[in-house]
C-alpha atoms as a PDB file:
ATOM      1  CA  MET A   1       0.000   0.000   0.000  1.00  0.00           C
ATOM      2  CA  PRO A   2       1.624   3.314  -1.074  1.00  0.00           C
ATOM      3  CA  PHE A   3       1.791   6.302   1.253  1.00  0.00           C
ATOM      4  CA  LEU A   4       1.906  10.016   0.413  1.00  0.00           C
ATOM      5  CA  ILE A   5       3.968  11.995   2.920  1.00  0.00           C
ATOM      6  CA  GLY A   6       4.763  15.702   2.892  1.00  0.00           C
ATOM      7  CA  VAL A   7       8.202  16.840   4.085  1.00  0.00           C
ATOM      8  CA  HIS A   8       9.295  20.439   4.641  1.00  0.00           C
ATOM      9  CA  SER A   9      12.187  21.527   2.439  1.00  0.00           C
ATOM     10  CA  SER A  10      14.284  22.287   5.528  1.00  0.00           C
ATOM     11  CA  LEU A  11      14.307  18.552   6.316  1.00  0.00           C
ATOM     12  CA  MET A  12      15.133  17.284   2.835  1.00  0.00           C
ATOM     13  CA  GLU A  13      18.871  17.039   3.437  1.00  0.00           C
ATOM     14  CA  LYS A  14      18.230  14.714   6.358  1.00  0.00           C
ATOM     15  CA  VAL A  15      15.645  12.710   4.390  1.00  0.00           C
ATOM     16  CA  GLN A  16      17.953  12.199   1.430  1.00  0.00           C
ATOM     17  CA  GLY A  17      20.577  10.792   3.788  1.00  0.00           C
ATOM     18  CA  MET A  18      18.228   7.910   4.611  1.00  0.00           C
ATOM     19  CA  THR A  19      17.792   4.655   2.700  1.00  0.00           C
ATOM     20  CA  LEU A  20      15.162   5.450   0.065  1.00  0.00           C
ATOM     21  CA  ASP A  21      15.095   2.320  -2.081  1.00  0.00           C
ATOM     22  CA  ASP A  22      11.381   2.443  -2.962  1.00  0.00           C
ATOM     23  CA  VAL A  23      10.676   6.134  -2.415  1.00  0.00           C
ATOM     24  CA  VAL A  24       9.622   8.557  -5.146  1.00  0.00           C
ATOM     25  CA  LEU A  25      10.463  12.192  -4.355  1.00  0.00           C
ATOM     26  CA  LEU A  26       8.450  15.046  -5.871  1.00  0.00           C
ATOM     27  CA  ASN A  27       9.825  18.513  -5.231  1.00  0.00           C
ATOM     28  CA  VAL A  28       6.844  20.828  -5.667  1.00  0.00           C
ATOM     29  CA  ASP A  29       9.077  23.901  -5.415  1.00  0.00           C
ATOM     30  CA  THR A  30      11.258  22.981  -8.390  1.00  0.00           C
ATOM     31  CA  ASN A  31       8.703  20.714 -10.116  1.00  0.00           C
ATOM     32  CA  THR A  32      11.215  17.852 -10.303  1.00  0.00           C
ATOM     33  CA  LEU A  33      10.776  14.140  -9.711  1.00  0.00           C
ATOM     34  CA  GLU A  34      13.296  11.608  -8.407  1.00  0.00           C
ATOM     35  CA  THR A  35      12.377   7.957  -8.725  1.00  0.00           C
ATOM     36  CA  PRO A  36      14.201   4.600  -8.597  1.00  0.00           C
ATOM     37  CA  TYR A  37      11.740   3.206 -11.120  1.00  0.00           C
ATOM     38  CA  ASP A  38      11.805   3.407 -14.890  1.00  0.00           C
ATOM     39  CA  ASP A  39       8.029   3.587 -15.241  1.00  0.00           C
ATOM     40  CA  LEU A  40       7.975   6.325 -17.840  1.00  0.00           C
ATOM     41  CA  GLN A  41      10.133   4.317 -20.234  1.00  0.00           C
ATOM     42  CA  SER A  42       7.765   1.355 -19.995  1.00  0.00           C
ATOM     43  CA  LEU A  43       4.765   3.404 -21.125  1.00  0.00           C
ATOM     44  CA  PRO A  44       3.955   3.583 -24.850  1.00  0.00           C
ATOM     45  CA  ASN A  45       5.324   6.778 -26.392  1.00  0.00           C
ATOM     46  CA  ASP A  46       1.992   7.978 -27.768  1.00  0.00           C
ATOM     47  CA  VAL A  47       0.378   7.738 -24.322  1.00  0.00           C
ATOM     48  CA  VAL A  48       3.226   9.668 -22.703  1.00  0.00           C
ATOM     49  CA  SER A  49       3.121  12.379 -25.383  1.00  0.00           C
ATOM     50  CA  SER A  50      -0.620  12.830 -24.999  1.00  0.00           C
ATOM     51  CA  LEU A  51      -0.358  12.962 -21.211  1.00  0.00           C
ATOM     52  CA  LYS A  52       2.416  15.590 -21.303  1.00  0.00           C
ATOM     53  CA  SER A  53       0.405  17.683 -23.734  1.00  0.00           C
ATOM     54  CA  ARG A  54      -2.697  17.575 -21.518  1.00  0.00           C
ATOM     55  CA  LEU A  55      -0.718  18.366 -18.377  1.00  0.00           C
ATOM     56  CA  LYS A  56       0.835  21.435 -20.003  1.00  0.00           C
ATOM     57  CA  LYS A  57      -2.617  22.734 -20.882  1.00  0.00           C
ATOM     58  CA  VAL A  58      -3.937  22.317 -17.336  1.00  0.00           C
ATOM     59  CA  SER A  59      -0.761  23.289 -15.447  1.00  0.00           C
ATOM     60  CA  THR A  60      -2.044  26.816 -14.795  1.00  0.00           C
ATOM     61  CA  THR A  61      -5.683  25.900 -14.156  1.00  0.00           C
ATOM     62  CA  THR A  62      -7.546  24.728 -11.079  1.00  0.00           C
ATOM     63  CA  GLY A  63     -10.073  21.977 -10.608  1.00  0.00           C
ATOM     64  CA  ASP A  64      -9.818  18.359 -11.726  1.00  0.00           C
ATOM     65  CA  GLY A  65      -7.815  19.010 -14.900  1.00  0.00           C
ATOM     66  CA  VAL A  66      -4.759  17.038 -13.763  1.00  0.00           C
ATOM     67  CA  ALA A  67      -6.877  14.111 -12.581  1.00  0.00           C
ATOM     68  CA  ARG A  68      -8.756  14.115 -15.891  1.00  0.00           C
ATOM     69  CA  ALA A  69      -5.488  14.078 -17.835  1.00  0.00           C
ATOM     70  CA  PHE A  70      -4.375  10.931 -16.036  1.00  0.00           C
ATOM     71  CA  LEU A  71      -7.841   9.409 -16.384  1.00  0.00           C
ATOM     72  CA  LYS A  72      -7.658   9.813 -20.163  1.00  0.00           C
ATOM     73  CA  SER A  73      -4.293   8.083 -20.178  1.00  0.00           C
ATOM     74  CA  GLN A  74      -5.649   5.190 -18.122  1.00  0.00           C
ATOM     75  CA  ALA A  75      -8.580   4.879 -20.489  1.00  0.00           C
ATOM     76  CA  SER A  76      -6.260   4.737 -23.506  1.00  0.00           C
ATOM     77  CA  LEU A  77      -4.194   2.022 -21.806  1.00  0.00           C
ATOM     78  CA  PHE A  78      -6.931  -0.164 -20.348  1.00  0.00           C
ATOM     79  CA  GLY A  79     -10.195   0.965 -21.945  1.00  0.00           C
ATOM     80  CA  SER A  80     -10.262  -1.898 -24.414  1.00  0.00           C
ATOM     81  CA  TYR A  81     -10.661  -4.452 -21.598  1.00  0.00           C
ATOM     82  CA  ARG A  82     -14.297  -4.868 -22.714  1.00  0.00           C
ATOM     83  CA  ASN A  83     -13.096  -6.456 -25.945  1.00  0.00           C
ATOM     84  CA  ALA A  84     -11.490  -9.229 -23.894  1.00  0.00           C
ATOM     85  CA  LEU A  85     -14.635 -10.174 -21.954  1.00  0.00           C
ATOM     86  CA  GLN A  86     -15.941 -13.584 -22.970  1.00  0.00           C
ATOM     87  CA  ILE A  87     -19.667 -14.241 -22.737  1.00  0.00           C
ATOM     88  CA  GLU A  88     -21.170 -17.686 -23.162  1.00  0.00           C
ATOM     89  CA  VAL A  89     -24.672 -18.849 -22.340  1.00  0.00           C
ATOM     90  CA  GLY A  90     -24.887 -20.525 -18.967  1.00  0.00           C
ATOM     91  CA  GLU A  91     -21.321 -19.627 -18.026  1.00  0.00           C
ATOM     92  CA  PRO A  92     -19.874 -16.801 -15.934  1.00  0.00           C
ATOM     93  CA  ILE A  93     -18.408 -13.914 -17.887  1.00  0.00           C
ATOM     94  CA  THR A  94     -14.618 -14.193 -17.936  1.00  0.00           C
ATOM     95  CA  PHE A  95     -11.673 -12.050 -18.947  1.00  0.00           C
ATOM     96  CA  ASN A  96      -9.248 -13.337 -21.583  1.00  0.00           C
ATOM     97  CA  GLU A  97      -5.789 -11.892 -20.959  1.00  0.00           C
ATOM     98  CA  GLU A  98      -4.417 -13.127 -24.283  1.00  0.00           C
ATOM     99  CA  THR A  99      -7.160 -11.364 -26.236  1.00  0.00           C
ATOM    100  CA  PHE A 100      -6.653  -8.202 -24.205  1.00  0.00           C
ATOM    101  CA  ILE A 101      -2.969  -8.087 -25.108  1.00  0.00           C
ATOM    102  CA  ASN A 102      -2.935  -9.397 -28.670  1.00  0.00           C
ATOM    103  CA  HIS A 103      -5.528  -7.049 -30.180  1.00  0.00           C
ATOM    104  CA  ARG A 104      -3.412  -3.991 -29.286  1.00  0.00           C
ATOM    105  CA  SER A 105      -0.427  -2.546 -31.126  1.00  0.00           C
ATOM    106  CA  SER A 106       3.012  -4.070 -30.704  1.00  0.00           C
ATOM    107  CA  ALA A 107       4.166  -0.987 -28.779  1.00  0.00           C
ATOM    108  CA  MET A 108       1.365  -1.500 -26.274  1.00  0.00           C
ATOM    109  CA  ARG A 109       1.680  -5.266 -25.826  1.00  0.00           C
ATOM    110  CA  GLN A 110       4.809  -5.304 -23.674  1.00  0.00           C
ATOM    111  CA  PHE A 111       3.333  -2.758 -21.298  1.00  0.00           C
ATOM    112  CA  LEU A 112       0.042  -4.667 -21.011  1.00  0.00           C
ATOM    113  CA  GLN A 113       1.907  -7.940 -20.501  1.00  0.00           C
ATOM    114  CA  ASN A 114       3.409  -6.447 -17.355  1.00  0.00           C
ATOM    115  CA  ALA A 115       0.280  -4.564 -16.320  1.00  0.00           C
ATOM    116  CA  ILE A 116      -1.950  -7.641 -16.141  1.00  0.00           C
ATOM    117  CA  GLN A 117       0.351  -9.036 -13.455  1.00  0.00           C
ATOM    118  CA  LEU A 118      -0.299  -6.085 -11.151  1.00  0.00           C
ATOM    119  CA  GLN A 119      -2.590  -6.622  -8.178  1.00  0.00           C
ATOM    120  CA  LEU A 120      -4.416  -3.360  -8.870  1.00  0.00           C
ATOM    121  CA  PHE A 121      -5.316  -4.431 -12.395  1.00  0.00           C
ATOM    122  CA  LYS A 122      -6.464  -7.862 -11.232  1.00  0.00           C
ATOM    123  CA  GLN A 123      -8.681  -6.209  -8.602  1.00  0.00           C
ATOM    124  CA  PHE A 124     -10.155  -3.922 -11.258  1.00  0.00           C
ATOM    125  CA  ILE A 125     -11.023  -6.813 -13.591  1.00  0.00           C
ATOM    126  CA  ASP A 126     -12.381  -8.966 -10.740  1.00  0.00           C
ATOM    127  CA  GLY A 127     -14.603  -6.083  -9.636  1.00  0.00           C
ATOM    128  CA  ARG A 128     -16.006  -5.628 -13.143  1.00  0.00           C
ATOM    129  CA  LEU A 129     -16.633  -9.367 -13.514  1.00  0.00           C
ATOM    130  CA  ASP A 130     -18.394  -9.526 -10.143  1.00  0.00           C
ATOM    131  CA  LEU A 131     -20.780  -6.747 -11.172  1.00  0.00           C
ATOM    132  CA  LEU A 132     -21.481  -8.279 -14.581  1.00  0.00           C
ATOM    133  CA  ASN A 133     -21.973 -11.798 -13.286  1.00  0.00           C
ATOM    134  CA  SER A 134     -24.351 -10.580 -10.591  1.00  0.00           C
ATOM    135  CA  GLY A 135     -26.536  -9.000 -13.290  1.00  0.00           C
ATOM    136  CA  GLU A 136     -25.561  -5.422 -12.456  1.00  0.00           C
ATOM    137  CA  GLY A 137     -24.070  -2.842 -14.756  1.00  0.00           C
ATOM    138  CA  PHE A 138     -21.661  -0.066 -13.928  1.00  0.00           C
ATOM    139  CA  ASN A 139     -21.249   3.504 -15.020  1.00  0.00           C
ATOM    140  CA  ASP A 140     -18.410   5.352 -13.326  1.00  0.00           C
ATOM    141  CA  ILE A 141     -16.112   8.104 -14.571  1.00  0.00           C
ATOM    142  CA  PHE A 142     -13.683   5.567 -16.037  1.00  0.00           C
ATOM    143  CA  GLU A 143     -16.393   3.983 -18.186  1.00  0.00           C
ATOM    144  CA  GLU A 144     -17.627   7.433 -19.187  1.00  0.00           C
ATOM    145  CA  GLU A 145     -14.130   8.355 -20.299  1.00  0.00           C
ATOM    146  CA  ILE A 146     -13.877   5.159 -22.331  1.00  0.00           C
ATOM    147  CA  ASN A 147     -17.168   5.979 -24.041  1.00  0.00           C
ATOM    148  CA  MET A 148     -15.977   9.479 -24.930  1.00  0.00           C
ATOM    149  CA  GLY A 149     -12.763   8.141 -26.447  1.00  0.00           C
ATOM    150  CA  GLU A 150     -12.058   5.617 -29.168  1.00  0.00           C
ATOM    151  CA  TYR A 151     -11.057   2.786 -26.881  1.00  0.00           C
ATOM    152  CA  ALA A 152     -14.081   0.488 -27.015  1.00  0.00           C
ATOM    153  CA  GLY A 153     -16.808   2.073 -29.059  1.00  0.00           C
ATOM    154  CA  SER A 154     -19.292   4.845 -28.404  1.00  0.00           C
ATOM    155  CA  ASP A 155     -21.612   5.330 -25.441  1.00  0.00           C
ATOM    156  CA  ARG A 156     -24.467   3.897 -27.497  1.00  0.00           C
ATOM    157  CA  THR A 157     -22.372   0.847 -28.391  1.00  0.00           C
ATOM    158  CA  TYR A 158     -21.532   0.332 -24.729  1.00  0.00           C
ATOM    159  CA  HIS A 159     -25.172   0.374 -23.664  1.00  0.00           C
ATOM    160  CA  GLN A 160     -26.038  -2.054 -26.461  1.00  0.00           C
ATOM    161  CA  TRP A 161     -23.237  -4.270 -25.199  1.00  0.00           C
ATOM    162  CA  LEU A 162     -24.624  -4.151 -21.645  1.00  0.00           C
ATOM    163  CA  ILE A 163     -28.066  -5.118 -22.934  1.00  0.00           C
ATOM    164  CA  THR A 164     -26.511  -8.088 -24.743  1.00  0.00           C
ATOM    165  CA  VAL A 165     -24.701  -9.144 -21.574  1.00  0.00           C
ATOM    166  CA  LYS A 166     -27.905  -9.037 -19.531  1.00  0.00           C
ATOM    167  CA  PHE A 167     -29.811 -10.930 -22.247  1.00  0.00           C
ATOM    168  CA  VAL A 168     -27.229 -13.714 -22.401  1.00  0.00           C
ATOM    169  CA  ARG A 169     -27.061 -13.928 -18.614  1.00  0.00           C
ATOM    170  CA  THR A 170     -30.761 -13.690 -17.743  1.00  0.00           C
ATOM    171  CA  VAL A 171     -32.870 -14.731 -20.757  1.00  0.00           C
ATOM    172  CA  LEU A 172     -31.087 -17.328 -22.883  1.00  0.00           C
ATOM    173  CA  PRO A 173     -30.527 -19.797 -19.999  1.00  0.00           C
ATOM    174  CA  TYR A 174     -34.319 -20.298 -19.920  1.00  0.00           C
ATOM    175  CA  TYR A 175     -34.423 -21.624 -23.503  1.00  0.00           C
ATOM    176  CA  ASP A 176     -33.221 -24.929 -24.910  1.00  0.00           C
ATOM    177  CA  ILE A 177     -31.007 -25.394 -27.960  1.00  0.00           C
ATOM    178  CA  TYR A 178     -34.112 -25.345 -30.209  1.00  0.00           C
ATOM    179  CA  GLY A 179     -35.255 -21.958 -28.979  1.00  0.00           C
ATOM    180  CA  ARG A 180     -38.078 -23.402 -26.874  1.00  0.00           C
ATOM    181  CA  ARG A 181     -38.655 -22.050 -23.397  1.00  0.00           C
ATOM    182  CA  ARG A 182     -37.746 -24.770 -20.935  1.00  0.00           C
ATOM    183  CA  ALA A 183     -39.606 -25.552 -17.748  1.00  0.00           C
ATOM    184  CA  PRO A 184     -38.457 -23.530 -14.731  1.00  0.00           C
ATOM    185  CA  SER A 185     -35.966 -25.334 -12.542  1.00  0.00           C
ATOM    186  CA  ARG A 186     -35.991 -25.267  -8.779  1.00  0.00           C
ATOM    187  CA  PHE A 187     -32.340 -24.282  -9.048  1.00  0.00           C
ATOM    188  CA  ASP A 188     -32.982 -21.138 -11.132  1.00  0.00           C
ATOM    189  CA  HIS A 189     -32.661 -19.017  -8.015  1.00  0.00           C
ATOM    190  CA  LEU A 190     -29.041 -20.006  -7.660  1.00  0.00           C
ATOM    191  CA  SER A 191     -26.633 -17.538  -9.191  1.00  0.00           C
ATOM    192  CA  ARG A 192     -23.756 -18.616 -11.411  1.00  0.00           C
ATOM    193  CA  SER A 193     -21.425 -18.400  -8.409  1.00  0.00           C
ATOM    194  CA  GLY A 194     -23.546 -20.841  -6.406  1.00  0.00           C
ATOM    195  CA  THR A 195     -24.953 -18.201  -4.066  1.00  0.00           C
ATOM    196  CA  TYR A 196     -28.604 -18.575  -3.143  1.00  0.00           C
ATOM    197  CA  THR A 197     -30.498 -15.443  -4.119  1.00  0.00           C
ATOM    198  CA  GLY A 198     -34.064 -16.184  -3.101  1.00  0.00           C
ATOM    199  CA  GLY A 199     -37.026 -18.433  -3.811  1.00  0.00           C
ATOM    200  CA  LYS A 200     -37.855 -21.930  -2.628  1.00  0.00           C
ATOM    201  CA  LEU A 201     -35.661 -24.897  -3.414  1.00  0.00           C
END
């Protein structure tokens, strides 16, 4: 878990004399950054260029401009995760890592190969899958940013996709392979995860 700690400039000489193996230092007075990581080099060049351009435009403004600039970058990196969701009748929705990586450009693949190993990314995907498999949708600022960009289709396309997901998850399981509505089962109240959600068994 990362921590953000403010240190007065008068104490910096003492701080820099400590062991700072995993510490990133941002000097807000000189607008300089010291880091032991090479994160910037691992990012695709087009994403970095776009981020720098946005940050320059909002550097003299107030509000959420900086946060929005980083949000756009995250959307360009991970917004196409929807294309890697696999939906099959009667089965939980899953995420295909290979599809997620291979449908992107070669410059992006190496970054994504490393990103999918991160705990934060795994938590993000697991959270989306939990919502989808429980029959719920989601509409947060990240999804809104994806819809406004060119990462996974338009807002209309996204809502059509959600409708398809709900149809596959809630309607098709009640029909047989010939398109005939099957008799209700006493196990229909069990969710795909095996959790009882109501009704008599």
